[in-house]
C-alpha atoms as a PDB file:
ATOM      1  CA  MET A   1      65.792 -57.788  46.880  1.00  0.00           C
ATOM      2  CA  GLY A   2      68.333 -57.335  49.606  1.00  0.00           C
ATOM      3  CA  LYS A   3      67.490 -56.217  53.090  1.00  0.00           C
ATOM      4  CA  THR A   4      64.117 -54.623  52.415  1.00  0.00           C
ATOM      5  CA  GLU A   5      61.373 -56.021  54.544  1.00  0.00           C
ATOM      6  CA  LEU A   6      57.863 -56.638  53.363  1.00  0.00           C
ATOM      7  CA  LYS A   7      55.283 -54.793  55.408  1.00  0.00           C
ATOM      8  CA  SER A   8      51.711 -55.718  56.023  1.00  0.00           C
ATOM      9  CA  LYS A   9      48.907 -53.423  54.939  1.00  0.00           C
ATOM     10  CA  GLU A  10      48.350 -52.367  58.545  1.00  0.00           C
ATOM     11  CA  ALA A  11      52.025 -51.484  59.044  1.00  0.00           C
ATOM     12  CA  LYS A  12      52.005 -49.432  55.836  1.00  0.00           C
ATOM     13  CA  MET A  13      48.877 -47.577  56.971  1.00  0.00           C
ATOM     14  CA  LYS A  14      50.412 -46.749  60.367  1.00  0.00           C
ATOM     15  CA  ALA A  15      53.558 -45.449  58.692  1.00  0.00           C
ATOM     16  CA  ALA A  16      51.523 -43.246  56.345  1.00  0.00           C
ATOM     17  CA  MET A  17      49.475 -41.791  59.214  1.00  0.00           C
ATOM     18  CA  ALA A  18      52.578 -41.042  61.277  1.00  0.00           C
ATOM     19  CA  GLY A  19      54.335 -39.534  58.263  1.00  0.00           C
ATOM     20  CA  GLY A  20      54.790 -36.095  59.807  1.00  0.00           C
ATOM     21  CA  ASN A  21      55.233 -33.268  57.336  1.00  0.00           C
ATOM     22  CA  ARG A  22      54.814 -35.355  54.202  1.00  0.00           C
ATOM     23  CA  GLY A  23      51.030 -35.339  54.458  1.00  0.00           C
ATOM     24  CA  LYS A  24      50.661 -31.648  55.287  1.00  0.00           C
ATOM     25  CA  ARG A  25      50.216 -29.123  52.521  1.00  0.00           C
ATOM     26  CA  LYS A  26      52.091 -25.816  52.385  1.00  0.00           C
ATOM     27  CA  LYS A  27      50.237 -22.894  53.891  1.00  0.00           C
ATOM     28  CA  TRP A  28      50.482 -19.798  51.731  1.00  0.00           C
ATOM     29  CA  SER A  29      50.904 -16.431  53.374  1.00  0.00           C
ATOM     30  CA  LYS A  30      48.143 -13.850  53.025  1.00  0.00           C
ATOM     31  CA  GLY A  31      50.623 -11.346  51.618  1.00  0.00           C
ATOM     32  CA  LYS A  32      51.997  -8.221  53.206  1.00  0.00           C
ATOM     33  CA  THR A  33      49.547  -5.383  53.646  1.00  0.00           C
ATOM     34  CA  LYS A  34      50.694  -1.802  53.679  1.00  0.00           C
ATOM     35  CA  GLU A  35      49.443   0.410  56.452  1.00  0.00           C
ATOM     36  CA  LYS A  36      46.864   2.933  55.246  1.00  0.00           C
ATOM     37  CA  LEU A  37      47.993   6.545  55.622  1.00  0.00           C
ATOM     38  CA  MET A  38      45.559   9.134  56.884  1.00  0.00           C
ATOM     39  CA  ASN A  39      47.040  12.198  55.192  1.00  0.00           C
ATOM     40  CA  LEU A  40      45.303  15.568  55.128  1.00  0.00           C
ATOM     41  CA  VAL A  41      43.435  16.586  51.974  1.00  0.00           C
ATOM     42  CA  LEU A  42      43.030  20.236  53.015  1.00  0.00           C
ATOM     43  CA  PHE A  43      45.415  22.530  54.861  1.00  0.00           C
ATOM     44  CA  ASP A  44      44.677  23.249  58.495  1.00  0.00           C
ATOM     45  CA  GLU A  45      46.204  26.194  60.327  1.00  0.00           C
ATOM     46  CA  THR A  46      49.132  24.360  61.926  1.00  0.00           C
ATOM     47  CA  THR A  47      50.106  22.562  58.714  1.00  0.00           C
ATOM     48  CA  ARG A  48      49.982  25.827  56.782  1.00  0.00           C
ATOM     49  CA  GLU A  49      52.294  27.482  59.339  1.00  0.00           C
ATOM     50  CA  ARG A  50      54.718  24.549  59.138  1.00  0.00           C
ATOM     51  CA  LEU A  51      54.668  24.753  55.341  1.00  0.00           C
ATOM     52  CA  ASP A  52      55.545  28.451  55.334  1.00  0.00           C
ATOM     53  CA  ALA A  53      58.207  28.093  58.038  1.00  0.00           C
ATOM     54  CA  GLU A  54      59.986  24.804  57.290  1.00  0.00           C
ATOM     55  CA  VAL A  55      59.769  24.147  53.562  1.00  0.00           C
ATOM     56  CA  PRO A  56      61.661  27.227  52.261  1.00  0.00           C
ATOM     57  CA  LYS A  57      64.622  26.145  54.446  1.00  0.00           C
ATOM     58  CA  MET A  58      64.820  22.593  53.028  1.00  0.00           C
ATOM     59  CA  LYS A  59      67.678  21.738  50.685  1.00  0.00           C
ATOM     60  CA  LEU A  60      65.664  19.190  48.695  1.00  0.00           C
ATOM     61  CA  ILE A  61      61.936  19.625  48.098  1.00  0.00           C
ATOM     62  CA  THR A  62      59.782  17.110  46.235  1.00  0.00           C
ATOM     63  CA  THR A  63      56.128  16.119  46.345  1.00  0.00           C
ATOM     64  CA  ALA A  64      56.974  12.889  48.177  1.00  0.00           C
ATOM     65  CA  ILE A  65      59.054  14.650  50.839  1.00  0.00           C
ATOM     66  CA  LEU A  66      56.335  17.224  51.547  1.00  0.00           C
ATOM     67  CA  SER A  67      53.701  14.519  51.698  1.00  0.00           C
ATOM     68  CA  GLU A  68      55.722  12.463  54.172  1.00  0.00           C
ATOM     69  CA  ARG A  69      56.883  15.271  56.462  1.00  0.00           C
ATOM     70  CA  LEU A  70      53.689  17.341  56.605  1.00  0.00           C
ATOM     71  CA  LYS A  71      51.303  14.347  56.402  1.00  0.00           C
ATOM     72  CA  ILE A  72      49.431  15.775  53.415  1.00  0.00           C
ATOM     73  CA  ASN A  73      48.367  13.931  50.274  1.00  0.00           C
ATOM     74  CA  GLY A  74      50.263  14.201  46.994  1.00  0.00           C
ATOM     75  CA  SER A  75      47.935  16.592  45.176  1.00  0.00           C
ATOM     76  CA  LEU A  76      48.015  19.010  48.120  1.00  0.00           C
ATOM     77  CA  ALA A  77      51.821  18.798  48.168  1.00  0.00           C
ATOM     78  CA  ARG A  78      51.974  19.637  44.446  1.00  0.00           C
ATOM     79  CA  PHE A  79      49.668  22.612  45.026  1.00  0.00           C
ATOM     80  CA  ALA A  80      51.853  23.819  47.915  1.00  0.00           C
ATOM     81  CA  ILE A  81      54.980  23.588  45.753  1.00  0.00           C
ATOM     82  CA  LYS A  82      53.349  25.655  42.988  1.00  0.00           C
ATOM     83  CA  GLU A  83      52.307  28.260  45.548  1.00  0.00           C
ATOM     84  CA  LEU A  84      55.801  28.524  47.073  1.00  0.00           C
ATOM     85  CA  LEU A  85      57.329  28.698  43.601  1.00  0.00           C
ATOM     86  CA  ALA A  86      55.042  31.612  42.675  1.00  0.00           C
ATOM     87  CA  LYS A  87      55.995  33.423  45.909  1.00  0.00           C
ATOM     88  CA  GLY A  88      59.682  32.942  45.143  1.00  0.00           C
ATOM     89  CA  ALA A  89      60.313  31.026  48.362  1.00  0.00           C
ATOM     90  CA  ILE A  90      61.740  28.043  46.465  1.00  0.00           C
ATOM     91  CA  LYS A  91      63.338  27.556  43.054  1.00  0.00           C
ATOM     92  CA  GLN A  92      63.066  24.780  40.504  1.00  0.00           C
ATOM     93  CA  VAL A  93      66.100  22.591  39.888  1.00  0.00           C
ATOM     94  CA  SER A  94      64.614  20.021  37.511  1.00  0.00           C
ATOM     95  CA  TYR A  95      61.177  19.002  36.357  1.00  0.00           C
ATOM     96  CA  HIS A  96      60.103  15.768  34.727  1.00  0.00           C
ATOM     97  CA  LYS A  97      56.562  14.564  34.125  1.00  0.00           C
ATOM     98  CA  ASP A  98      56.874  12.248  37.133  1.00  0.00           C
ATOM     99  CA  VAL A  99      58.773  14.318  39.686  1.00  0.00           C
ATOM    100  CA  GLY A 100      59.746  17.915  40.212  1.00  0.00           C
ATOM    101  CA  ILE A 101      62.903  18.706  42.164  1.00  0.00           C
ATOM    102  CA  TYR A 102      63.103  22.022  43.973  1.00  0.00           C
ATOM    103  CA  THR A 103      65.444  23.692  46.449  1.00  0.00           C
ATOM    104  CA  ARG A 104      65.428  26.715  48.713  1.00  0.00           C
ATOM    105  CA  ALA A 105      65.791  30.092  47.083  1.00  0.00           C
ATOM    106  CA  THR A 106      69.089  31.738  47.908  1.00  0.00           C
ATOM    107  CA  ARG A 107      69.528  35.490  48.303  1.00  0.00           C
ATOM    108  CA  SER A 108      71.756  35.777  45.207  1.00  0.00           C
ATOM    109  CA  ASP A 109      68.867  34.613  42.970  1.00  0.00           C
END
């Protein structure tokens, strides 16, 4: 058997109790939670003014960018883009079912 020593039941029990991390089970994380956004669902006066002033000057305009910068929800951003497009303040670059890409309207258009 070599150099292994035989332990008594009491010695084995003490060793098991003082085992450290072997006896502990892994604690699972609760998962990462995303912070809830409180975006506007209707335009207020200041947001409407910012929309008319800032958005026609942007080089890249998408629903996500409007939602993030103006703190409005996605459906309101899509409505705002349609409105600006009808006014001629912006022009469409590309449109896919998932995302529309728009840019500022230049004077040559």
